[in-house]
Amino acid sequence: MRLAKVLTAAAAVSLVATPALAQAAPSVERIGASQSEDSELAGGSGIIIAVLAAAAVIAAIVIAVDGGDDEPVSP
């Protein structure tokens, strides 16, 4: 019981301290790299994600509608 209270207190302290520690971190100035050529992909990754989502939906439908034999094996 005592260990559970100690772990709960440690978790609470870490949740409270994390935003303060993140805010106190020094800021770093980021400089982007120059890009000499445009991307040759017409639709970017959006098309790939859409195709993968459609494949997942079709696979889910095939698995759900599987017309397998649902008879019990035992007599």
N, C-alpha and C. Protein backbone atom coordinates (compact mmCIF):
# COMPACT_ATOMS: atom_id res chain seq x y z
N MET A 1 0.83 -1.19 0.00
CA MET A 1 0.00 0.00 0.00
C MET A 1 0.87 1.25 0.00
N ARG A 2 1.95 1.21 0.78
CA ARG A 2 2.82 2.37 0.88
C ARG A 2 3.55 2.61 -0.45
N LEU A 3 3.97 1.51 -1.11
CA LEU A 3 4.66 1.63 -2.39
C LEU A 3 3.73 2.25 -3.44
N ALA A 4 2.47 1.88 -3.41
CA ALA A 4 1.52 2.45 -4.36
C ALA A 4 1.36 3.95 -4.17
N LYS A 5 1.35 4.40 -2.92
CA LYS A 5 1.24 5.84 -2.64
C LYS A 5 2.48 6.58 -3.10
N VAL A 6 3.65 5.97 -2.90
CA VAL A 6 4.89 6.61 -3.32
C VAL A 6 4.93 6.72 -4.85
N LEU A 7 4.54 5.65 -5.54
CA LEU A 7 4.53 5.67 -7.00
C LEU A 7 3.50 6.67 -7.54
N THR A 8 2.37 6.78 -6.88
CA THR A 8 1.35 7.75 -7.29
C THR A 8 1.86 9.17 -7.11
N ALA A 9 2.52 9.42 -6.00
CA ALA A 9 3.08 10.75 -5.76
C ALA A 9 4.17 11.08 -6.77
N ALA A 10 5.02 10.11 -7.10
CA ALA A 10 6.08 10.34 -8.09
C ALA A 10 5.49 10.63 -9.46
N ALA A 11 4.44 9.92 -9.82
CA ALA A 11 3.79 10.17 -11.10
C ALA A 11 3.16 11.56 -11.14
N ALA A 12 2.55 11.97 -10.05
CA ALA A 12 1.92 13.30 -9.98
C ALA A 12 2.98 14.39 -10.09
N VAL A 13 4.10 14.22 -9.41
CA VAL A 13 5.17 15.22 -9.47
C VAL A 13 5.74 15.30 -10.88
N SER A 14 5.92 14.17 -11.53
CA SER A 14 6.47 14.20 -12.89
C SER A 14 5.50 14.86 -13.86
N LEU A 15 4.20 14.64 -13.69
CA LEU A 15 3.23 15.30 -14.56
C LEU A 15 3.18 16.80 -14.35
N VAL A 16 3.38 17.23 -13.12
CA VAL A 16 3.36 18.65 -12.83
C VAL A 16 4.65 19.32 -13.29
N ALA A 17 5.78 18.65 -13.15
CA ALA A 17 7.08 19.26 -13.46
C ALA A 17 7.40 19.29 -14.94
N THR A 18 6.84 18.42 -15.73
CA THR A 18 7.20 18.32 -17.14
C THR A 18 6.95 19.62 -17.92
N PRO A 19 5.79 20.26 -17.82
CA PRO A 19 5.61 21.52 -18.57
C PRO A 19 6.57 22.62 -18.13
N ALA A 20 6.86 22.69 -16.84
CA ALA A 20 7.78 23.71 -16.35
C ALA A 20 9.19 23.48 -16.88
N LEU A 21 9.61 22.24 -16.94
CA LEU A 21 10.94 21.93 -17.47
C LEU A 21 11.00 22.19 -18.97
N ALA A 22 9.95 21.90 -19.68
CA ALA A 22 9.93 22.13 -21.11
C ALA A 22 9.93 23.62 -21.44
N GLN A 23 9.28 24.41 -20.61
CA GLN A 23 9.23 25.85 -20.84
C GLN A 23 10.57 26.49 -20.50
N ALA A 24 11.29 25.95 -19.55
CA ALA A 24 12.55 26.53 -19.12
C ALA A 24 13.70 26.19 -20.07
N ALA A 25 13.48 25.28 -20.99
CA ALA A 25 14.54 24.89 -21.92
C ALA A 25 14.88 26.06 -22.84
N PRO A 26 16.17 26.23 -23.14
CA PRO A 26 16.55 27.34 -24.02
C PRO A 26 16.03 27.11 -25.43
N SER A 27 15.62 28.19 -26.06
CA SER A 27 15.08 28.05 -27.42
C SER A 27 16.22 28.00 -28.42
N VAL A 28 16.02 27.22 -29.46
CA VAL A 28 17.02 27.05 -30.50
C VAL A 28 16.45 27.61 -31.78
N GLU A 29 17.21 28.46 -32.44
CA GLU A 29 16.74 29.02 -33.70
C GLU A 29 16.98 28.01 -34.81
N ARG A 30 15.93 27.70 -35.55
CA ARG A 30 16.03 26.73 -36.62
C ARG A 30 16.11 27.45 -37.96
N ILE A 31 16.99 26.95 -38.78
CA ILE A 31 17.14 27.51 -40.12
C ILE A 31 16.90 26.38 -41.11
N GLY A 32 15.95 26.57 -42.01
CA GLY A 32 15.62 25.54 -42.99
C GLY A 32 16.66 25.47 -44.10
N ALA A 33 16.83 24.29 -44.64
CA ALA A 33 17.75 24.11 -45.76
C ALA A 33 17.10 24.61 -47.04
N SER A 34 17.89 25.14 -47.92
CA SER A 34 17.33 25.61 -49.18
C SER A 34 17.03 24.43 -50.08
N GLN A 35 15.99 24.57 -50.87
CA GLN A 35 15.56 23.51 -51.76
C GLN A 35 15.69 24.02 -53.19
N SER A 36 16.45 23.29 -53.98
CA SER A 36 16.70 23.78 -55.33
C SER A 36 15.67 23.29 -56.34
N GLU A 37 15.03 22.15 -56.07
CA GLU A 37 14.06 21.62 -57.01
C GLU A 37 12.73 21.34 -56.31
N ASP A 38 11.66 21.45 -57.07
CA ASP A 38 10.34 21.12 -56.54
C ASP A 38 10.15 19.61 -56.54
N SER A 39 9.24 19.16 -55.72
CA SER A 39 8.92 17.75 -55.69
C SER A 39 8.21 17.34 -56.96
N GLU A 40 8.51 16.15 -57.45
CA GLU A 40 7.88 15.67 -58.68
C GLU A 40 6.62 14.86 -58.40
N LEU A 41 6.30 14.62 -57.14
CA LEU A 41 5.08 13.89 -56.82
C LEU A 41 3.89 14.81 -57.00
N ALA A 42 2.89 14.35 -57.72
CA ALA A 42 1.74 15.18 -58.02
C ALA A 42 0.85 15.37 -56.79
N GLY A 43 0.56 14.27 -56.07
CA GLY A 43 -0.36 14.37 -54.96
C GLY A 43 0.29 14.27 -53.61
N GLY A 44 1.55 14.08 -53.55
CA GLY A 44 2.23 13.96 -52.27
C GLY A 44 1.87 12.65 -51.59
N SER A 45 1.91 12.66 -50.29
CA SER A 45 1.62 11.43 -49.55
C SER A 45 0.12 11.23 -49.33
N GLY A 46 -0.69 12.20 -49.68
CA GLY A 46 -2.13 12.08 -49.49
C GLY A 46 -2.73 10.94 -50.30
N ILE A 47 -2.24 10.76 -51.51
CA ILE A 47 -2.75 9.68 -52.37
C ILE A 47 -2.36 8.33 -51.79
N ILE A 48 -1.13 8.22 -51.31
CA ILE A 48 -0.68 6.95 -50.73
C ILE A 48 -1.50 6.60 -49.51
N ILE A 49 -1.76 7.58 -48.66
CA ILE A 49 -2.57 7.34 -47.46
C ILE A 49 -3.99 6.93 -47.84
N ALA A 50 -4.56 7.58 -48.86
CA ALA A 50 -5.91 7.24 -49.29
C ALA A 50 -5.98 5.80 -49.82
N VAL A 51 -4.97 5.39 -50.60
CA VAL A 51 -4.94 4.03 -51.14
C VAL A 51 -4.81 3.01 -50.01
N LEU A 52 -3.94 3.29 -49.05
CA LEU A 52 -3.78 2.38 -47.91
C LEU A 52 -5.06 2.30 -47.07
N ALA A 53 -5.74 3.42 -46.88
CA ALA A 53 -7.00 3.42 -46.13
C ALA A 53 -8.07 2.62 -46.85
N ALA A 54 -8.14 2.78 -48.16
CA ALA A 54 -9.12 2.03 -48.95
C ALA A 54 -8.82 0.53 -48.88
N ALA A 55 -7.54 0.16 -48.94
CA ALA A 55 -7.16 -1.25 -48.83
C ALA A 55 -7.52 -1.81 -47.47
N ALA A 56 -7.36 -1.01 -46.42
CA ALA A 56 -7.70 -1.46 -45.07
C ALA A 56 -9.21 -1.67 -44.93
N VAL A 57 -10.00 -0.77 -45.51
CA VAL A 57 -11.46 -0.90 -45.45
C VAL A 57 -11.91 -2.15 -46.21
N ILE A 58 -11.33 -2.36 -47.39
CA ILE A 58 -11.70 -3.54 -48.18
C ILE A 58 -11.31 -4.82 -47.44
N ALA A 59 -10.13 -4.83 -46.84
CA ALA A 59 -9.69 -6.01 -46.08
C ALA A 59 -10.62 -6.26 -44.89
N ALA A 60 -11.05 -5.21 -44.22
CA ALA A 60 -11.96 -5.37 -43.08
C ALA A 60 -13.30 -5.93 -43.53
N ILE A 61 -13.79 -5.48 -44.68
CA ILE A 61 -15.07 -5.99 -45.20
C ILE A 61 -14.93 -7.46 -45.56
N VAL A 62 -13.83 -7.83 -46.21
CA VAL A 62 -13.62 -9.23 -46.60
C VAL A 62 -13.53 -10.12 -45.37
N ILE A 63 -12.85 -9.67 -44.34
CA ILE A 63 -12.74 -10.46 -43.12
C ILE A 63 -14.09 -10.57 -42.42
N ALA A 64 -14.87 -9.48 -42.40
CA ALA A 64 -16.16 -9.49 -41.71
C ALA A 64 -17.19 -10.36 -42.43
N VAL A 65 -17.13 -10.41 -43.75
CA VAL A 65 -18.13 -11.12 -44.53
C VAL A 65 -17.64 -12.52 -44.90
N ASP A 66 -16.56 -12.95 -44.31
CA ASP A 66 -16.00 -14.26 -44.63
C ASP A 66 -17.08 -15.32 -44.52
N GLY A 67 -17.32 -16.03 -45.59
CA GLY A 67 -18.37 -17.04 -45.62
C GLY A 67 -17.88 -18.40 -45.19
N GLY A 68 -17.00 -18.42 -44.23
CA GLY A 68 -16.42 -19.68 -43.76
C GLY A 68 -17.45 -20.56 -43.07
N ASP A 69 -17.05 -21.77 -42.82
CA ASP A 69 -17.92 -22.74 -42.17
C ASP A 69 -17.94 -22.45 -40.67
N ASP A 70 -19.09 -22.04 -40.13
CA ASP A 70 -19.21 -21.71 -38.72
C ASP A 70 -19.75 -22.86 -37.90
N GLU A 71 -19.73 -24.06 -38.45
CA GLU A 71 -20.22 -25.24 -37.72
C GLU A 71 -19.24 -25.58 -36.60
N PRO A 72 -19.75 -25.98 -35.44
CA PRO A 72 -18.85 -26.36 -34.35
C PRO A 72 -18.14 -27.68 -34.69
N VAL A 73 -16.91 -27.81 -34.20
CA VAL A 73 -16.12 -28.99 -34.50
C VAL A 73 -16.51 -30.15 -33.58
N SER A 74 -16.85 -29.84 -32.35
CA SER A 74 -17.21 -30.90 -31.40
C SER A 74 -18.64 -31.39 -31.63
N PRO A 75 -18.91 -32.66 -31.33
CA PRO A 75 -20.26 -33.19 -31.57
C PRO A 75 -21.30 -32.68 -30.59
